[in-house]
PDB file of N, CA and C in Angstrom:
ATOM      1  N   MET A   1     -97.147 -47.677-186.059  1.00  0.00           N
ATOM      2  CA  MET A   1     -95.831 -47.811-185.494  1.00  0.00           C
ATOM      3  C   MET A   1     -95.744 -47.149-184.117  1.00  0.00           C
ATOM      4  N   PHE A   2     -96.221 -45.907-183.997  1.00  0.00           N
ATOM      5  CA  PHE A   2     -96.114 -45.197-182.732  1.00  0.00           C
ATOM      6  C   PHE A   2     -97.187 -45.611-181.730  1.00  0.00           C
ATOM      7  N   SER A   3     -98.218 -46.258-182.160  1.00  0.00           N
ATOM      8  CA  SER A   3     -99.305 -46.614-181.256  1.00  0.00           C
ATOM      9  C   SER A   3     -98.877 -47.602-180.179  1.00  0.00           C
ATOM     10  N   GLN A   4     -97.775 -48.272-180.380  1.00  0.00           N
ATOM     11  CA  GLN A   4     -97.312 -49.217-179.378  1.00  0.00           C
ATOM     12  C   GLN A   4     -96.603 -48.526-178.210  1.00  0.00           C
ATOM     13  N   TYR A   5     -96.291 -47.236-178.363  1.00  0.00           N
ATOM     14  CA  TYR A   5     -95.593 -46.506-177.320  1.00  0.00           C
ATOM     15  C   TYR A   5     -96.571 -45.657-176.523  1.00  0.00           C
ATOM     16  N   TYR A   6     -96.358 -45.646-175.244  1.00  0.00           N
ATOM     17  CA  TYR A   6     -97.181 -44.821-174.377  1.00  0.00           C
ATOM     18  C   TYR A   6     -96.298 -43.714-173.825  1.00  0.00           C
ATOM     19  N   VAL A   7     -96.712 -42.477-174.005  1.00  0.00           N
ATOM     20  CA  VAL A   7     -95.971 -41.347-173.477  1.00  0.00           C
ATOM     21  C   VAL A   7     -96.759 -40.786-172.308  1.00  0.00           C
ATOM     22  N   LYS A   8     -96.155 -40.831-171.159  1.00  0.00           N
ATOM     23  CA  LYS A   8     -96.811 -40.319-169.961  1.00  0.00           C
ATOM     24  C   LYS A   8     -96.695 -38.799-169.938  1.00  0.00           C
ATOM     25  N   ARG A   9     -97.833 -38.148-169.799  1.00  0.00           N
ATOM     26  CA  ARG A   9     -97.845 -36.693-169.720  1.00  0.00           C
ATOM     27  C   ARG A   9     -97.577 -36.295-168.284  1.00  0.00           C
ATOM     28  N   ILE A  10     -96.654 -35.368-168.114  1.00  0.00           N
ATOM     29  CA  ILE A  10     -96.360 -34.852-166.779  1.00  0.00           C
ATOM     30  C   ILE A  10     -96.333 -33.326-166.848  1.00  0.00           C
ATOM     31  N   GLY A  11     -96.633 -32.689-165.752  1.00  0.00           N
ATOM     32  CA  GLY A  11     -96.592 -31.236-165.712  1.00  0.00           C
ATOM     33  C   GLY A  11     -97.701 -30.600-166.518  1.00  0.00           C
ATOM     34  N   TYR A  12     -97.491 -29.358-166.883  1.00  0.00           N
ATOM     35  CA  TYR A  12     -98.492 -28.597-167.611  1.00  0.00           C
ATOM     36  C   TYR A  12     -98.333 -28.792-169.110  1.00  0.00           C
ATOM     37  N   SER A  13     -99.451 -28.807-169.762  1.00  0.00           N
ATOM     38  CA  SER A  13     -99.478 -28.910-171.211  1.00  0.00           C
ATOM     39  C   SER A  13    -100.543 -27.953-171.704  1.00  0.00           C
ATOM     40  N   GLY A  14    -100.166 -26.726-171.901  1.00  0.00           N
ATOM     41  CA  GLY A  14    -101.146 -25.738-172.331  1.00  0.00           C
ATOM     42  C   GLY A  14    -100.605 -24.334-172.237  1.00  0.00           C
ATOM     43  N   ARG A  15    -101.415 -23.399-172.631  1.00  0.00           N
ATOM     44  CA  ARG A  15    -101.035 -21.988-172.640  1.00  0.00           C
ATOM     45  C   ARG A  15    -101.388 -21.347-171.309  1.00  0.00           C
ATOM     46  N   MET A  16    -100.421 -20.632-170.751  1.00  0.00           N
ATOM     47  CA  MET A  16    -100.682 -19.876-169.531  1.00  0.00           C
ATOM     48  C   MET A  16    -101.246 -18.524-169.935  1.00  0.00           C
ATOM     49  N   LEU A  17    -102.239 -18.066-169.215  1.00  0.00           N
ATOM     50  CA  LEU A  17    -102.864 -16.761-169.460  1.00  0.00           C
ATOM     51  C   LEU A  17    -102.763 -15.918-168.188  1.00  0.00           C
ATOM     52  N   PRO A  18    -101.537 -15.453-167.862  1.00  0.00           N
ATOM     53  CA  PRO A  18    -101.338 -14.705-166.621  1.00  0.00           C
ATOM     54  C   PRO A  18    -101.793 -13.253-166.755  1.00  0.00           C
ATOM     55  N   VAL A  19    -102.968 -12.962-166.275  1.00  0.00           N
ATOM     56  CA  VAL A  19    -103.594 -11.651-166.443  1.00  0.00           C
ATOM     57  C   VAL A  19    -102.669 -10.513-166.027  1.00  0.00           C
ATOM     58  N   MET A  20    -101.988 -10.652-164.906  1.00  0.00           N
ATOM     59  CA  MET A  20    -101.176  -9.545-164.394  1.00  0.00           C
ATOM     60  C   MET A  20     -99.695  -9.669-164.730  1.00  0.00           C
ATOM     61  N   GLU A  21     -99.364 -10.581-165.638  1.00  0.00           N
ATOM     62  CA  GLU A  21     -97.970 -10.715-166.055  1.00  0.00           C
ATOM     63  C   GLU A  21     -97.800 -10.488-167.556  1.00  0.00           C
ATOM     64  N   ASP A  22     -98.846 -10.098-168.234  1.00  0.00           N
ATOM     65  CA  ASP A  22     -98.811  -9.861-169.673  1.00  0.00           C
ATOM     66  C   ASP A  22     -99.537  -8.550-169.954  1.00  0.00           C
ATOM     67  N   SER A  23     -98.871  -7.608-170.608  1.00  0.00           N
ATOM     68  CA  SER A  23     -99.458  -6.279-170.776  1.00  0.00           C
ATOM     69  C   SER A  23    -100.754  -6.297-171.582  1.00  0.00           C
ATOM     70  N   LEU A  24    -100.832  -7.104-172.619  1.00  0.00           N
ATOM     71  CA  LEU A  24    -102.058  -7.157-173.415  1.00  0.00           C
ATOM     72  C   LEU A  24    -103.205  -7.797-172.620  1.00  0.00           C
ATOM     73  N   LEU A  25    -102.921  -8.878-171.906  1.00  0.00           N
ATOM     74  CA  LEU A  25    -103.961  -9.505-171.088  1.00  0.00           C
ATOM     75  C   LEU A  25    -104.445  -8.555-169.986  1.00  0.00           C
ATOM     76  N   ALA A  26    -103.519  -7.835-169.359  1.00  0.00           N
ATOM     77  CA  ALA A  26    -103.898  -6.885-168.303  1.00  0.00           C
ATOM     78  C   ALA A  26    -104.798  -5.789-168.870  1.00  0.00           C
ATOM     79  N   ARG A  27    -104.470  -5.291-170.060  1.00  0.00           N
ATOM     80  CA  ARG A  27    -105.292  -4.248-170.683  1.00  0.00           C
ATOM     81  C   ARG A  27    -106.666  -4.787-171.057  1.00  0.00           C
ATOM     82  N   ARG A  28    -106.699  -5.977-171.668  1.00  0.00           N
ATOM     83  CA  ARG A  28    -107.977  -6.569-172.074  1.00  0.00           C
ATOM     84  C   ARG A  28    -108.849  -6.900-170.863  1.00  0.00           C
ATOM     85  N   TRP A  29    -108.218  -7.325-169.755  1.00  0.00           N
ATOM     86  CA  TRP A  29    -108.956  -7.589-168.520  1.00  0.00           C
ATOM     87  C   TRP A  29    -109.627  -6.300-168.044  1.00  0.00           C
ATOM     88  N   SER A  30    -108.870  -5.193-168.029  1.00  0.00           N
ATOM     89  CA  SER A  30    -109.420  -3.897-167.609  1.00  0.00           C
ATOM     90  C   SER A  30    -110.565  -3.454-168.504  1.00  0.00           C
ATOM     91  N   GLU A  31    -110.466  -3.757-169.791  1.00  0.00           N
ATOM     92  CA  GLU A  31    -111.502  -3.378-170.754  1.00  0.00           C
ATOM     93  C   GLU A  31    -112.745  -4.261-170.665  1.00  0.00           C
ATOM     94  N   GLY A  32    -112.629  -5.380-169.958  1.00  0.00           N
ATOM     95  CA  GLY A  32    -113.755  -6.298-169.829  1.00  0.00           C
ATOM     96  C   GLY A  32    -113.905  -7.235-171.018  1.00  0.00           C
ATOM     97  N   THR A  33    -112.839  -7.391-171.798  1.00  0.00           N
ATOM     98  CA  THR A  33    -112.876  -8.262-172.969  1.00  0.00           C
ATOM     99  C   THR A  33    -113.104  -9.721-172.585  1.00  0.00           C
ATOM    100  N   PHE A  34    -112.594 -10.123-171.434  1.00  0.00           N
ATOM    101  CA  PHE A  34    -112.788 -11.483-170.932  1.00  0.00           C
ATOM    102  C   PHE A  34    -112.894 -11.436-169.418  1.00  0.00           C
ATOM    103  N   ASP A  35    -113.334 -12.550-168.824  1.00  0.00           N
ATOM    104  CA  ASP A  35    -113.491 -12.623-167.375  1.00  0.00           C
ATOM    105  C   ASP A  35    -113.027 -13.989-166.887  1.00  0.00           C
ATOM    106  N   VAL A  36    -113.241 -14.259-165.611  1.00  0.00           N
ATOM    107  CA  VAL A  36    -112.814 -15.528-165.018  1.00  0.00           C
ATOM    108  C   VAL A  36    -113.443 -16.711-165.757  1.00  0.00           C
ATOM    109  N   ASP A  37    -114.731 -16.626-166.037  1.00  0.00           N
ATOM    110  CA  ASP A  37    -115.399 -17.736-166.725  1.00  0.00           C
ATOM    111  C   ASP A  37    -114.808 -17.955-168.114  1.00  0.00           C
ATOM    112  N   GLY A  38    -114.430 -16.892-168.808  1.00  0.00           N
ATOM    113  CA  GLY A  38    -113.821 -17.021-170.127  1.00  0.00           C
ATOM    114  C   GLY A  38    -112.473 -17.727-170.058  1.00  0.00           C
ATOM    115  N   ILE A  39    -111.640 -17.335-169.099  1.00  0.00           N
ATOM    116  CA  ILE A  39    -110.336 -17.992-168.947  1.00  0.00           C
ATOM    117  C   ILE A  39    -110.532 -19.450-168.573  1.00  0.00           C
ATOM    118  N   LEU A  40    -111.501 -19.714-167.710  1.00  0.00           N
ATOM    119  CA  LEU A  40    -111.763 -21.093-167.312  1.00  0.00           C
ATOM    120  C   LEU A  40    -112.225 -21.920-168.511  1.00  0.00           C
ATOM    121  N   ALA A  41    -113.007 -21.326-169.405  1.00  0.00           N
ATOM    122  CA  ALA A  41    -113.433 -22.034-170.612  1.00  0.00           C
ATOM    123  C   ALA A  41    -112.224 -22.364-171.488  1.00  0.00           C
ATOM    124  N   TYR A  42    -111.291 -21.420-171.621  1.00  0.00           N
ATOM    125  CA  TYR A  42    -110.062 -21.703-172.371  1.00  0.00           C
ATOM    126  C   TYR A  42    -109.273 -22.830-171.710  1.00  0.00           C
ATOM    127  N   SER A  43    -109.302 -22.883-170.379  1.00  0.00           N
ATOM    128  CA  SER A  43    -108.564 -23.912-169.647  1.00  0.00           C
ATOM    129  C   SER A  43    -109.060 -25.313-169.961  1.00  0.00           C
ATOM    130  N   ALA A  44    -110.329 -25.422-170.319  1.00  0.00           N
ATOM    131  CA  ALA A  44    -110.876 -26.740-170.671  1.00  0.00           C
ATOM    132  C   ALA A  44    -110.276 -27.241-171.976  1.00  0.00           C
ATOM    133  N   VAL A  45    -109.781 -26.322-172.787  1.00  0.00           N
ATOM    134  CA  VAL A  45    -109.262 -26.707-174.102  1.00  0.00           C
ATOM    135  C   VAL A  45    -107.747 -26.616-174.168  1.00  0.00           C
ATOM    136  N   CYS A  46    -107.192 -25.447-173.824  1.00  0.00           N
ATOM    137  CA  CYS A  46    -105.766 -25.283-174.083  1.00  0.00           C
ATOM    138  C   CYS A  46    -104.989 -24.527-173.011  1.00  0.00           C
ATOM    139  N   ALA A  47    -105.627 -23.989-172.014  1.00  0.00           N
ATOM    140  CA  ALA A  47    -104.913 -23.189-171.026  1.00  0.00           C
ATOM    141  C   ALA A  47    -104.637 -23.992-169.759  1.00  0.00           C
ATOM    142  N   THR A  48    -103.920 -23.370-168.829  1.00  0.00           N
ATOM    143  CA  THR A  48    -103.482 -24.086-167.632  1.00  0.00           C
ATOM    144  C   THR A  48    -104.209 -23.674-166.362  1.00  0.00           C
ATOM    145  N   GLY A  49    -105.265 -22.900-166.497  1.00  0.00           N
ATOM    146  CA  GLY A  49    -106.033 -22.509-165.324  1.00  0.00           C
ATOM    147  C   GLY A  49    -106.145 -21.009-165.197  1.00  0.00           C
ATOM    148  N   LEU A  50    -106.391 -20.549-163.986  1.00  0.00           N
ATOM    149  CA  LEU A  50    -106.546 -19.127-163.701  1.00  0.00           C
ATOM    150  C   LEU A  50    -105.243 -18.617-163.108  1.00  0.00           C
ATOM    151  N   ASP A  51    -104.652 -17.621-163.745  1.00  0.00           N
ATOM    152  CA  ASP A  51    -103.317 -17.181-163.342  1.00  0.00           C
ATOM    153  C   ASP A  51    -103.289 -15.677-163.097  1.00  0.00           C
ATOM    154  N   THR A  52    -102.892 -15.286-161.926  1.00  0.00           N
ATOM    155  CA  THR A  52    -102.784 -13.902-161.460  1.00  0.00           C
ATOM    156  C   THR A  52    -104.066 -13.115-161.696  1.00  0.00           C
ATOM    157  N   ILE A  53    -105.152 -13.615-161.137  1.00  0.00           N
ATOM    158  CA  ILE A  53    -106.452 -12.961-161.241  1.00  0.00           C
ATOM    159  C   ILE A  53    -106.607 -12.002-160.057  1.00  0.00           C
ATOM    160  N   PRO A  54    -106.683 -10.678-160.308  1.00  0.00           N
ATOM    161  CA  PRO A  54    -106.859  -9.738-159.195  1.00  0.00           C
ATOM    162  C   PRO A  54    -108.292  -9.780-158.683  1.00  0.00           C
ATOM    163  N   MET A  55    -108.424  -9.767-157.379  1.00  0.00           N
ATOM    164  CA  MET A  55    -109.747  -9.849-156.756  1.00  0.00           C
ATOM    165  C   MET A  55    -109.862  -8.776-155.683  1.00  0.00           C
ATOM    166  N   ALA A  56    -111.082  -8.286-155.470  1.00  0.00           N
ATOM    167  CA  ALA A  56    -111.328  -7.293-154.419  1.00  0.00           C
ATOM    168  C   ALA A  56    -111.026  -7.889-153.054  1.00  0.00           C
ATOM    169  N   ALA A  57    -110.669  -7.015-152.129  1.00  0.00           N
ATOM    170  CA  ALA A  57    -110.328  -7.465-150.775  1.00  0.00           C
ATOM    171  C   ALA A  57    -111.497  -8.158-150.091  1.00  0.00           C
ATOM    172  N   ASP A  58    -112.722  -7.779-150.456  1.00  0.00           N
ATOM    173  CA  ASP A  58    -113.889  -8.345-149.782  1.00  0.00           C
ATOM    174  C   ASP A  58    -114.454  -9.579-150.485  1.00  0.00           C
ATOM    175  N   VAL A  59    -113.665 -10.216-151.338  1.00  0.00           N
ATOM    176  CA  VAL A  59    -114.131 -11.442-151.987  1.00  0.00           C
ATOM    177  C   VAL A  59    -114.484 -12.449-150.892  1.00  0.00           C
ATOM    178  N   THR A  60    -115.596 -13.114-151.065  1.00  0.00           N
ATOM    179  CA  THR A  60    -116.049 -14.023-150.006  1.00  0.00           C
ATOM    180  C   THR A  60    -115.386 -15.396-150.121  1.00  0.00           C
ATOM    181  N   GLN A  61    -115.409 -16.097-149.027  1.00  0.00           N
ATOM    182  CA  GLN A  61    -114.889 -17.460-149.030  1.00  0.00           C
ATOM    183  C   GLN A  61    -115.688 -18.305-150.021  1.00  0.00           C
ATOM    184  N   ARG A  62    -116.985 -18.101-150.065  1.00  0.00           N
ATOM    185  CA  ARG A  62    -117.855 -18.862-150.980  1.00  0.00           C
ATOM    186  C   ARG A  62    -117.475 -18.625-152.436  1.00  0.00           C
ATOM    187  N   GLN A  63    -117.186 -17.378-152.808  1.00  0.00           N
ATOM    188  CA  GLN A  63    -116.779 -17.078-154.181  1.00  0.00           C
ATOM    189  C   GLN A  63    -115.460 -17.792-154.518  1.00  0.00           C
ATOM    190  N   THR A  64    -114.517 -17.726-153.604  1.00  0.00           N
ATOM    191  CA  THR A  64    -113.229 -18.378-153.811  1.00  0.00           C
ATOM    192  C   THR A  64    -113.401 -19.893-153.919  1.00  0.00           C
ATOM    193  N   GLU A  65    -114.222 -20.468-153.055  1.00  0.00           N
ATOM    194  CA  GLU A  65    -114.479 -21.913-153.101  1.00  0.00           C
ATOM    195  C   GLU A  65    -115.107 -22.323-154.432  1.00  0.00           C
ATOM    196  N   ARG A  66    -116.028 -21.502-154.941  1.00  0.00           N
ATOM    197  CA  ARG A  66    -116.685 -21.818-156.213  1.00  0.00           C
ATOM    198  C   ARG A  66    -115.677 -21.818-157.362  1.00  0.00           C
ATOM    199  N   ILE A  67    -114.802 -20.821-157.364  1.00  0.00           N
ATOM    200  CA  ILE A  67    -113.799 -20.743-158.430  1.00  0.00           C
ATOM    201  C   ILE A  67    -112.858 -21.938-158.368  1.00  0.00           C
ATOM    202  N   ILE A  68    -112.352 -22.229-157.188  1.00  0.00           N
ATOM    203  CA  ILE A  68    -111.428 -23.363-157.041  1.00  0.00           C
ATOM    204  C   ILE A  68    -112.147 -24.672-157.361  1.00  0.00           C
ATOM    205  N   GLY A  69    -113.406 -24.775-156.979  1.00  0.00           N
ATOM    206  CA  GLY A  69    -114.196 -25.964-157.321  1.00  0.00           C
ATOM    207  C   GLY A  69    -114.352 -26.138-158.824  1.00  0.00           C
ATOM    208  N   ASP A  70    -114.593 -25.026-159.538  1.00  0.00           N
ATOM    209  CA  ASP A  70    -114.701 -25.097-160.999  1.00  0.00           C
ATOM    210  C   ASP A  70    -113.382 -25.546-161.635  1.00  0.00           C
ATOM    211  N   VAL A  71    -112.280 -25.001-161.134  1.00  0.00           N
ATOM    212  CA  VAL A  71    -110.963 -25.392-161.655  1.00  0.00           C
ATOM    213  C   VAL A  71    -110.713 -26.877-161.395  1.00  0.00           C
ATOM    214  N   ALA A  72    -111.008 -27.325-160.183  1.00  0.00           N
ATOM    215  CA  ALA A  72    -110.807 -28.731-159.833  1.00  0.00           C
ATOM    216  C   ALA A  72    -111.684 -29.653-160.676  1.00  0.00           C
ATOM    217  N   THR A  73    -112.922 -29.260-160.911  1.00  0.00           N
ATOM    218  CA  THR A  73    -113.827 -30.067-161.727  1.00  0.00           C
ATOM    219  C   THR A  73    -113.284 -30.233-163.143  1.00  0.00           C
ATOM    220  N   LEU A  74    -112.817 -29.131-163.732  1.00  0.00           N
ATOM    221  CA  LEU A  74    -112.235 -29.221-165.080  1.00  0.00           C
ATOM    222  C   LEU A  74    -110.978 -30.091-165.087  1.00  0.00           C
ATOM    223  N   ALA A  75    -110.150 -29.941-164.070  1.00  0.00           N
ATOM    224  CA  ALA A  75    -108.913 -30.722-164.005  1.00  0.00           C
ATOM    225  C   ALA A  75    -109.211 -32.219-163.965  1.00  0.00           C
ATOM    226  N   VAL A  76    -110.203 -32.599-163.189  1.00  0.00           N
ATOM    227  CA  VAL A  76    -110.569 -34.015-163.096  1.00  0.00           C
ATOM    228  C   VAL A  76    -111.196 -34.486-164.401  1.00  0.00           C
ATOM    229  N   LYS A  77    -112.131 -33.703-164.932  1.00  0.00           N
ATOM    230  CA  LYS A  77    -112.823 -34.099-166.161  1.00  0.00           C
ATOM    231  C   LYS A  77    -111.861 -34.307-167.315  1.00  0.00           C
ATOM    232  N   TRP A  78    -110.929 -33.380-167.497  1.00  0.00           N
ATOM    233  CA  TRP A  78    -110.018 -33.452-168.641  1.00  0.00           C
ATOM    234  C   TRP A  78    -108.691 -34.129-168.295  1.00  0.00           C
ATOM    235  N   LYS A  79    -108.567 -34.589-167.054  1.00  0.00           N
ATOM    236  CA  LYS A  79    -107.352 -35.292-166.624  1.00  0.00           C
ATOM    237  C   LYS A  79    -106.092 -34.491-166.956  1.00  0.00           C
ATOM    238  N   LYS A  80    -106.117 -33.221-166.559  1.00  0.00           N
ATOM    239  CA  LYS A  80    -104.968 -32.344-166.789  1.00  0.00           C
ATOM    240  C   LYS A  80    -104.778 -31.434-165.586  1.00  0.00           C
ATOM    241  N   PRO A  81    -103.543 -31.111-165.260  1.00  0.00           N
ATOM    242  CA  PRO A  81    -103.298 -30.228-164.122  1.00  0.00           C
ATOM    243  C   PRO A  81    -103.705 -28.796-164.457  1.00  0.00           C
ATOM    244  N   LEU A  82    -104.431 -28.169-163.548  1.00  0.00           N
ATOM    245  CA  LEU A  82    -104.815 -26.771-163.687  1.00  0.00           C
ATOM    246  C   LEU A  82    -104.503 -26.051-162.382  1.00  0.00           C
ATOM    247  N   THR A  83    -104.264 -24.754-162.469  1.00  0.00           N
ATOM    248  CA  THR A  83    -103.947 -23.971-161.283  1.00  0.00           C
ATOM    249  C   THR A  83    -104.955 -22.845-161.086  1.00  0.00           C
ATOM    250  N   ALA A  84    -104.913 -22.262-159.894  1.00  0.00           N
ATOM    251  CA  ALA A  84    -105.713 -21.075-159.594  1.00  0.00           C
ATOM    252  C   ALA A  84    -104.852 -20.145-158.742  1.00  0.00           C
ATOM    253  N   ARG A  85    -104.203 -19.194-159.395  1.00  0.00           N
ATOM    254  CA  ARG A  85    -103.427 -18.172-158.681  1.00  0.00           C
ATOM    255  C   ARG A  85    -104.316 -16.933-158.588  1.00  0.00           C
ATOM    256  N   LEU A  86    -105.052 -16.850-157.486  1.00  0.00           N
ATOM    257  CA  LEU A  86    -106.006 -15.766-157.254  1.00  0.00           C
ATOM    258  C   LEU A  86    -105.370 -14.768-156.296  1.00  0.00           C
ATOM    259  N   LEU A  87    -105.498 -13.475-156.605  1.00  0.00           N
ATOM    260  CA  LEU A  87    -104.817 -12.460-155.814  1.00  0.00           C
ATOM    261  C   LEU A  87    -105.791 -11.448-155.200  1.00  0.00           C
ATOM    262  N   PRO A  88    -106.352 -11.743-154.011  1.00  0.00           N
ATOM    263  CA  PRO A  88    -107.151 -10.722-153.330  1.00  0.00           C
ATOM    264  C   PRO A  88    -106.233  -9.548-152.970  1.00  0.00           C
ATOM    265  N   VAL A  89    -106.657  -8.327-153.281  1.00  0.00           N
ATOM    266  CA  VAL A  89    -105.815  -7.150-153.085  1.00  0.00           C
ATOM    267  C   VAL A  89    -106.337  -6.338-151.904  1.00  0.00           C
ATOM    268  N   LYS A  90    -105.563  -6.319-150.851  1.00  0.00           N
ATOM    269  CA  LYS A  90    -105.944  -5.638-149.612  1.00  0.00           C
ATOM    270  C   LYS A  90    -106.289  -4.171-149.883  1.00  0.00           C
ATOM    271  N   GLY A  91    -107.450  -3.757-149.357  1.00  0.00           N
ATOM    272  CA  GLY A  91    -107.861  -2.369-149.448  1.00  0.00           C
ATOM    273  C   GLY A  91    -108.431  -1.943-150.794  1.00  0.00           C
ATOM    274  N   LYS A  92    -108.593  -2.864-151.728  1.00  0.00           N
ATOM    275  CA  LYS A  92    -109.092  -2.511-153.057  1.00  0.00           C
ATOM    276  C   LYS A  92    -110.468  -3.110-153.304  1.00  0.00           C
ATOM    277  N   ASN A  93    -111.288  -2.370-154.036  1.00  0.00           N
ATOM    278  CA  ASN A  93    -112.644  -2.785-154.364  1.00  0.00           C
ATOM    279  C   ASN A  93    -112.803  -2.969-155.865  1.00  0.00           C
ATOM    280  N   ILE A  94    -113.918  -3.555-156.260  1.00  0.00           N
ATOM    281  CA  ILE A  94    -114.235  -3.739-157.673  1.00  0.00           C
ATOM    282  C   ILE A  94    -114.228  -2.372-158.359  1.00  0.00           C
ATOM    283  N   GLY A  95    -113.605  -2.315-159.526  1.00  0.00           N
ATOM    284  CA  GLY A  95    -113.528  -1.075-160.297  1.00  0.00           C
ATOM    285  C   GLY A  95    -112.264  -0.274-160.044  1.00  0.00           C
ATOM    286  N   GLU A  96    -111.553  -0.564-158.966  1.00  0.00           N
ATOM    287  CA  GLU A  96    -110.295   0.132-158.676  1.00  0.00           C
ATOM    288  C   GLU A  96    -109.127  -0.601-159.336  1.00  0.00           C
ATOM    289  N   ARG A  97    -108.038   0.124-159.535  1.00  0.00           N
ATOM    290  CA  ARG A  97    -106.842  -0.485-160.103  1.00  0.00           C
ATOM    291  C   ARG A  97    -105.925  -0.986-158.992  1.00  0.00           C
ATOM    292  N   THR A  98    -105.243  -2.062-159.296  1.00  0.00           N
ATOM    293  CA  THR A  98    -104.230  -2.553-158.366  1.00  0.00           C
ATOM    294  C   THR A  98    -103.077  -1.557-158.362  1.00  0.00           C
ATOM    295  N   GLU A  99    -102.280  -1.604-157.316  1.00  0.00           N
ATOM    296  CA  GLU A  99    -101.126  -0.704-157.209  1.00  0.00           C
ATOM    297  C   GLU A  99     -99.901  -1.476-156.741  1.00  0.00           C
ATOM    298  N   PHE A 100     -99.619  -2.570-157.428  1.00  0.00           N
ATOM    299  CA  PHE A 100     -98.459  -3.371-157.061  1.00  0.00           C
ATOM    300  C   PHE A 100     -97.184  -2.643-157.479  1.00  0.00           C
ATOM    301  N   ASP A 101     -96.184  -2.698-156.636  1.00  0.00           N
ATOM    302  CA  ASP A 101     -94.876  -2.149-156.958  1.00  0.00           C
ATOM    303  C   ASP A 101     -93.933  -3.336-157.130  1.00  0.00           C
ATOM    304  N   ASP A 102     -94.188  -4.098-158.173  1.00  0.00           N
ATOM    305  CA  ASP A 102     -93.458  -5.332-158.428  1.00  0.00           C
ATOM    306  C   ASP A 102     -93.181  -5.403-159.927  1.00  0.00           C
ATOM    307  N   PRO A 103     -91.937  -5.568-160.312  1.00  0.00           N
ATOM    308  CA  PRO A 103     -91.625  -5.590-161.751  1.00  0.00           C
ATOM    309  C   PRO A 103     -92.239  -6.787-162.483  1.00  0.00           C
ATOM    310  N   ASN A 104     -92.700  -7.782-161.746  1.00  0.00           N
ATOM    311  CA  ASN A 104     -93.274  -8.970-162.377  1.00  0.00           C
ATOM    312  C   ASN A 104     -94.798  -8.932-162.485  1.00  0.00           C
ATOM    313  N   LEU A 105     -95.442  -7.916-161.878  1.00  0.00           N
ATOM    314  CA  LEU A 105     -96.897  -7.809-161.928  1.00  0.00           C
ATOM    315  C   LEU A 105     -97.302  -6.486-162.562  1.00  0.00           C
ATOM    316  N   LEU A 106     -98.227  -6.556-163.500  1.00  0.00           N
ATOM    317  CA  LEU A 106     -98.772  -5.369-164.140  1.00  0.00           C
ATOM    318  C   LEU A 106    -100.063  -4.985-163.437  1.00  0.00           C
ATOM    319  N   ASN A 107    -100.282  -3.707-163.268  1.00  0.00           N
ATOM    320  CA  ASN A 107    -101.495  -3.248-162.606  1.00  0.00           C
ATOM    321  C   ASN A 107    -102.657  -3.233-163.584  1.00  0.00           C
ATOM    322  N   THR A 108    -103.808  -3.606-163.067  1.00  0.00           N
ATOM    323  CA  THR A 108    -105.020  -3.687-163.879  1.00  0.00           C
ATOM    324  C   THR A 108    -106.225  -3.423-162.984  1.00  0.00           C
ATOM    325  N   THR A 109    -107.370  -3.382-163.556  1.00  0.00           N
ATOM    326  CA  THR A 109    -108.604  -3.105-162.830  1.00  0.00           C
ATOM    327  C   THR A 109    -109.133  -4.369-162.157  1.00  0.00           C
ATOM    328  N   ILE A 110    -109.621  -4.216-160.945  1.00  0.00           N
ATOM    329  CA  ILE A 110    -110.253  -5.343-160.251  1.00  0.00           C
ATOM    330  C   ILE A 110    -111.684  -5.451-160.741  1.00  0.00           C
ATOM    331  N   ARG A 111    -112.042  -6.634-161.170  1.00  0.00           N
ATOM    332  CA  ARG A 111    -113.378  -6.864-161.739  1.00  0.00           C
ATOM    333  C   ARG A 111    -114.190  -7.738-160.806  1.00  0.00           C
ATOM    334  N   ALA A 112    -115.484  -7.727-161.001  1.00  0.00           N
ATOM    335  CA  ALA A 112    -116.387  -8.557-160.194  1.00  0.00           C
ATOM    336  C   ALA A 112    -116.120 -10.032-160.449  1.00  0.00           C
ATOM    337  N   ILE A 113    -116.201 -10.798-159.409  1.00  0.00           N
ATOM    338  CA  ILE A 113    -116.036 -12.249-159.500  1.00  0.00           C
ATOM    339  C   ILE A 113    -117.431 -12.862-159.372  1.00  0.00           C
ATOM    340  N   PRO A 114    -117.802 -13.708-160.333  1.00  0.00           N
ATOM    341  CA  PRO A 114    -119.149 -14.307-160.271  1.00  0.00           C
ATOM    342  C   PRO A 114    -119.339 -15.214-159.066  1.00  0.00           C
TER     343      PRO A 114
END
C-alpha cells in the first residue's frame, strides 16, 4: 500500500554529535574515547557529520581539506547531507583546553587531527 508513495527526504536525518555543545561528549572527547574518524564513521550510519570539533590553531590547510573531503565523500556515497563545523582555536595547541566564554560552547581538550 505505501510503496506507491514517494517521500522526498529533505534536511538532516540523523543524530547530531556536537562535541562542544554536550557535556558528556565534551568529557569523552577530552578522555580520548572517540576522535574525528569515529564521529565520521557514525555519520555514515546515523549522524549528521562533524559538529563543533575543536582544532589546534596550527591545523594545516591539508588536514582541513582531508576532513572536509571525507565528509563530502560520505555525503555523496550515502546521499545524505552532512556538515563539518570545525573550530580552529587561536593560540591553542594539541593537549590544551579551549577557553571559550560562551554559554553555548563547553570547553574541552584539543586533540590531534589525523
